[in-house]
Amino acid sequence: MGVFAAIALALAAIGVYGVISYGVSRRTHEIGLRMALGASRWEVLGAVVGRGAVLLSCGILVGTVAGLSVTRPIAAFAYGVSSTDPLTFTVAPAVLMAVGITACLRPAIRASRIDPAVALRDE
């Protein structure tokens, strides 16, 4: 069961990384515009990571509430496992948050390094 849980967490992390990274990379034009208007690299990175963190926090909150709501019916099928295992409900969200923040940072750093004129022409 632990192996299947690890595989499920890895698949969720890959999915979160893909979706968040794609969303941030689609904002290259916006990042170029902000930098052309005088925003510093750190302001742009802060805005991108902040927006991503809010989105990730909302998703993790909804997922945790949904997970806690279905633990009672599933607890009857899992022998010897607590329905509200604190390790599970802390490690999984922490891994997904770390993966999501990384997914925000990588394309944002790449987009903030290019010339704003190039980013504005791109689209």
C-alpha atoms as a PDB file:
ATOM      1  CA  MET A   1       0.000   0.000   0.000  1.00  0.00           C
ATOM      2  CA  GLY A   2       2.907   2.324   0.721  1.00  0.00           C
ATOM      3  CA  VAL A   3       4.325   1.799  -2.762  1.00  0.00           C
ATOM      4  CA  PHE A   4       0.987   2.668  -4.342  1.00  0.00           C
ATOM      5  CA  ALA A   5       0.745   5.765  -2.146  1.00  0.00           C
ATOM      6  CA  ALA A   6       4.236   6.851  -3.230  1.00  0.00           C
ATOM      7  CA  ILE A   7       3.339   6.295  -6.888  1.00  0.00           C
ATOM      8  CA  ALA A   8       0.129   8.305  -6.438  1.00  0.00           C
ATOM      9  CA  LEU A   9       2.054  11.152  -4.783  1.00  0.00           C
ATOM     10  CA  ALA A  10       4.637  11.122  -7.600  1.00  0.00           C
ATOM     11  CA  LEU A  11       1.896  11.240 -10.246  1.00  0.00           C
ATOM     12  CA  ALA A  12       0.173  14.089  -8.413  1.00  0.00           C
ATOM     13  CA  ALA A  13       3.480  15.970  -8.164  1.00  0.00           C
ATOM     14  CA  ILE A  14       4.127  15.506 -11.894  1.00  0.00           C
ATOM     15  CA  GLY A  15       0.635  16.760 -12.684  1.00  0.00           C
ATOM     16  CA  VAL A  16       0.915  19.783 -10.417  1.00  0.00           C
ATOM     17  CA  TYR A  17       4.331  20.632 -11.840  1.00  0.00           C
ATOM     18  CA  GLY A  18       3.078  20.383 -15.419  1.00  0.00           C
ATOM     19  CA  VAL A  19      -0.021  22.501 -14.922  1.00  0.00           C
ATOM     20  CA  ILE A  20       1.643  25.222 -12.845  1.00  0.00           C
ATOM     21  CA  SER A  21       4.717  25.381 -15.082  1.00  0.00           C
ATOM     22  CA  TYR A  22       2.569  25.645 -18.214  1.00  0.00           C
ATOM     23  CA  GLY A  23       0.461  28.410 -16.665  1.00  0.00           C
ATOM     24  CA  VAL A  24       3.503  30.431 -15.671  1.00  0.00           C
ATOM     25  CA  SER A  25       5.231  29.967 -19.025  1.00  0.00           C
ATOM     26  CA  ARG A  26       2.104  31.282 -20.754  1.00  0.00           C
ATOM     27  CA  ARG A  27       2.593  34.524 -18.812  1.00  0.00           C
ATOM     28  CA  THR A  28       5.926  35.364 -20.491  1.00  0.00           C
ATOM     29  CA  HIS A  29       4.254  38.277 -22.270  1.00  0.00           C
ATOM     30  CA  GLU A  30       2.955  39.675 -18.967  1.00  0.00           C
ATOM     31  CA  ILE A  31       6.359  39.251 -17.320  1.00  0.00           C
ATOM     32  CA  GLY A  32       8.019  41.086 -20.221  1.00  0.00           C
ATOM     33  CA  LEU A  33       5.472  43.888 -19.973  1.00  0.00           C
ATOM     34  CA  ARG A  34       6.034  44.280 -16.239  1.00  0.00           C
ATOM     35  CA  MET A  35       9.791  44.396 -16.720  1.00  0.00           C
ATOM     36  CA  ALA A  36       9.454  46.892 -19.600  1.00  0.00           C
ATOM     37  CA  LEU A  37       7.439  49.135 -17.289  1.00  0.00           C
ATOM     38  CA  GLY A  38      10.211  49.106 -14.700  1.00  0.00           C
ATOM     39  CA  ALA A  39       9.508  46.196 -12.371  1.00  0.00           C
ATOM     40  CA  SER A  40      12.605  44.556 -10.974  1.00  0.00           C
ATOM     41  CA  ARG A  41      13.350  40.901 -11.418  1.00  0.00           C
ATOM     42  CA  TRP A  42      12.599  40.217  -7.743  1.00  0.00           C
ATOM     43  CA  GLU A  43       9.228  41.993  -7.915  1.00  0.00           C
ATOM     44  CA  VAL A  44       8.237  39.897 -10.909  1.00  0.00           C
ATOM     45  CA  LEU A  45       9.382  36.670  -9.270  1.00  0.00           C
ATOM     46  CA  GLY A  46       7.554  37.599  -6.075  1.00  0.00           C
ATOM     47  CA  ALA A  47       4.337  38.289  -7.945  1.00  0.00           C
ATOM     48  CA  VAL A  48       4.508  35.038  -9.907  1.00  0.00           C
ATOM     49  CA  VAL A  49       5.386  32.887  -6.899  1.00  0.00           C
ATOM     50  CA  GLY A  50       2.804  34.678  -4.744  1.00  0.00           C
ATOM     51  CA  ARG A  51       0.025  34.019  -7.221  1.00  0.00           C
ATOM     52  CA  GLY A  52       1.160  30.418  -7.591  1.00  0.00           C
ATOM     53  CA  ALA A  53       1.320  29.927  -3.824  1.00  0.00           C
ATOM     54  CA  VAL A  54      -2.236  31.208  -3.408  1.00  0.00           C
ATOM     55  CA  LEU A  55      -3.455  28.843  -6.108  1.00  0.00           C
ATOM     56  CA  LEU A  56      -1.554  25.931  -4.590  1.00  0.00           C
ATOM     57  CA  SER A  57      -2.815  26.720  -1.084  1.00  0.00           C
ATOM     58  CA  CYS A  58      -6.411  26.728  -2.270  1.00  0.00           C
ATOM     59  CA  GLY A  59      -5.915  23.401  -4.036  1.00  0.00           C
ATOM     60  CA  ILE A  60      -4.221  21.835  -1.041  1.00  0.00           C
ATOM     61  CA  LEU A  61      -6.946  23.084   1.285  1.00  0.00           C
ATOM     62  CA  VAL A  62      -9.710  21.664  -0.913  1.00  0.00           C
ATOM     63  CA  GLY A  63      -7.795  18.389  -1.314  1.00  0.00           C
ATOM     64  CA  THR A  64      -7.204  18.048   2.419  1.00  0.00           C
ATOM     65  CA  VAL A  65     -10.854  18.694   3.246  1.00  0.00           C
ATOM     66  CA  ALA A  66     -11.946  16.209   0.573  1.00  0.00           C
ATOM     67  CA  GLY A  67      -9.411  13.678   1.839  1.00  0.00           C
ATOM     68  CA  LEU A  68     -10.580  14.031   5.417  1.00  0.00           C
ATOM     69  CA  SER A  69     -14.222  13.691   4.366  1.00  0.00           C
ATOM     70  CA  VAL A  70     -13.689  10.287   2.746  1.00  0.00           C
ATOM     71  CA  THR A  71     -11.417   8.765   5.387  1.00  0.00           C
ATOM     72  CA  ARG A  72     -14.203   7.206   7.447  1.00  0.00           C
ATOM     73  CA  PRO A  73     -15.662   5.025   4.675  1.00  0.00           C
ATOM     74  CA  ILE A  74     -12.184   4.006   3.502  1.00  0.00           C
ATOM     75  CA  ALA A  75     -10.953   3.237   7.044  1.00  0.00           C
ATOM     76  CA  ALA A  76     -13.090   0.097   7.078  1.00  0.00           C
ATOM     77  CA  PHE A  77     -11.027  -1.304   4.175  1.00  0.00           C
ATOM     78  CA  ALA A  78      -7.564  -0.401   5.475  1.00  0.00           C
ATOM     79  CA  TYR A  79      -6.493  -2.636   8.344  1.00  0.00           C
ATOM     80  CA  GLY A  80      -4.088  -1.112  10.852  1.00  0.00           C
ATOM     81  CA  VAL A  81      -4.043   2.358   9.289  1.00  0.00           C
ATOM     82  CA  SER A  82      -5.405   5.422  11.043  1.00  0.00           C
ATOM     83  CA  SER A  83      -8.033   7.287   9.049  1.00  0.00           C
ATOM     84  CA  THR A  84      -6.445  10.631   9.907  1.00  0.00           C
ATOM     85  CA  ASP A  85      -2.751   9.773   9.766  1.00  0.00           C
ATOM     86  CA  PRO A  86      -0.922  13.028  10.598  1.00  0.00           C
ATOM     87  CA  LEU A  87       2.165  12.028   8.609  1.00  0.00           C
ATOM     88  CA  THR A  88       0.107  11.581   5.453  1.00  0.00           C
ATOM     89  CA  PHE A  89      -1.790  14.818   5.888  1.00  0.00           C
ATOM     90  CA  THR A  90       1.427  16.817   6.390  1.00  0.00           C
ATOM     91  CA  VAL A  91       3.945  15.200   4.033  1.00  0.00           C
ATOM     92  CA  ALA A  92       1.736  15.011   0.936  1.00  0.00           C
ATOM     93  CA  PRO A  93       0.683  18.692   1.009  1.00  0.00           C
ATOM     94  CA  ALA A  94       4.245  19.770   1.795  1.00  0.00           C
ATOM     95  CA  VAL A  95       5.634  17.817  -1.171  1.00  0.00           C
ATOM     96  CA  LEU A  96       2.969  19.190  -3.497  1.00  0.00           C
ATOM     97  CA  MET A  97       3.579  22.759  -2.281  1.00  0.00           C
ATOM     98  CA  ALA A  98       7.348  22.418  -2.798  1.00  0.00           C
ATOM     99  CA  VAL A  99       6.832  21.013  -6.291  1.00  0.00           C
ATOM    100  CA  GLY A 100       4.354  23.787  -7.121  1.00  0.00           C
ATOM    101  CA  ILE A 101       6.685  26.557  -5.934  1.00  0.00           C
ATOM    102  CA  THR A 102       9.499  25.023  -7.994  1.00  0.00           C
ATOM    103  CA  ALA A 103       7.149  24.907 -10.971  1.00  0.00           C
ATOM    104  CA  CYS A 104       6.465  28.626 -10.509  1.00  0.00           C
ATOM    105  CA  LEU A 105      10.100  29.609 -10.096  1.00  0.00           C
ATOM    106  CA  ARG A 106      11.728  27.831 -13.044  1.00  0.00           C
ATOM    107  CA  PRO A 107       9.707  29.434 -15.898  1.00  0.00           C
ATOM    108  CA  ALA A 108       9.522  32.775 -14.082  1.00  0.00           C
ATOM    109  CA  ILE A 109      13.308  32.945 -13.721  1.00  0.00           C
ATOM    110  CA  ARG A 110      13.727  31.978 -17.366  1.00  0.00           C
ATOM    111  CA  ALA A 111      11.207  34.617 -18.476  1.00  0.00           C
ATOM    112  CA  SER A 112      12.730  37.326 -16.284  1.00  0.00           C
ATOM    113  CA  ARG A 113      16.176  36.776 -17.809  1.00  0.00           C
ATOM    114  CA  ILE A 114      15.127  37.505 -21.372  1.00  0.00           C
ATOM    115  CA  ASP A 115      14.995  40.978 -22.852  1.00  0.00           C
ATOM    116  CA  PRO A 116      11.569  42.629 -22.306  1.00  0.00           C
ATOM    117  CA  ALA A 117      11.362  43.539 -26.002  1.00  0.00           C
ATOM    118  CA  VAL A 118      11.746  39.877 -26.968  1.00  0.00           C
ATOM    119  CA  ALA A 119       9.139  38.834 -24.409  1.00  0.00           C
ATOM    120  CA  LEU A 120       6.711  41.455 -25.745  1.00  0.00           C
ATOM    121  CA  ARG A 121       7.204  40.269 -29.324  1.00  0.00           C
ATOM    122  CA  ASP A 122       6.687  36.654 -28.304  1.00  0.00           C
ATOM    123  CA  GLU A 123       3.083  35.372 -28.250  1.00  0.00           C
END
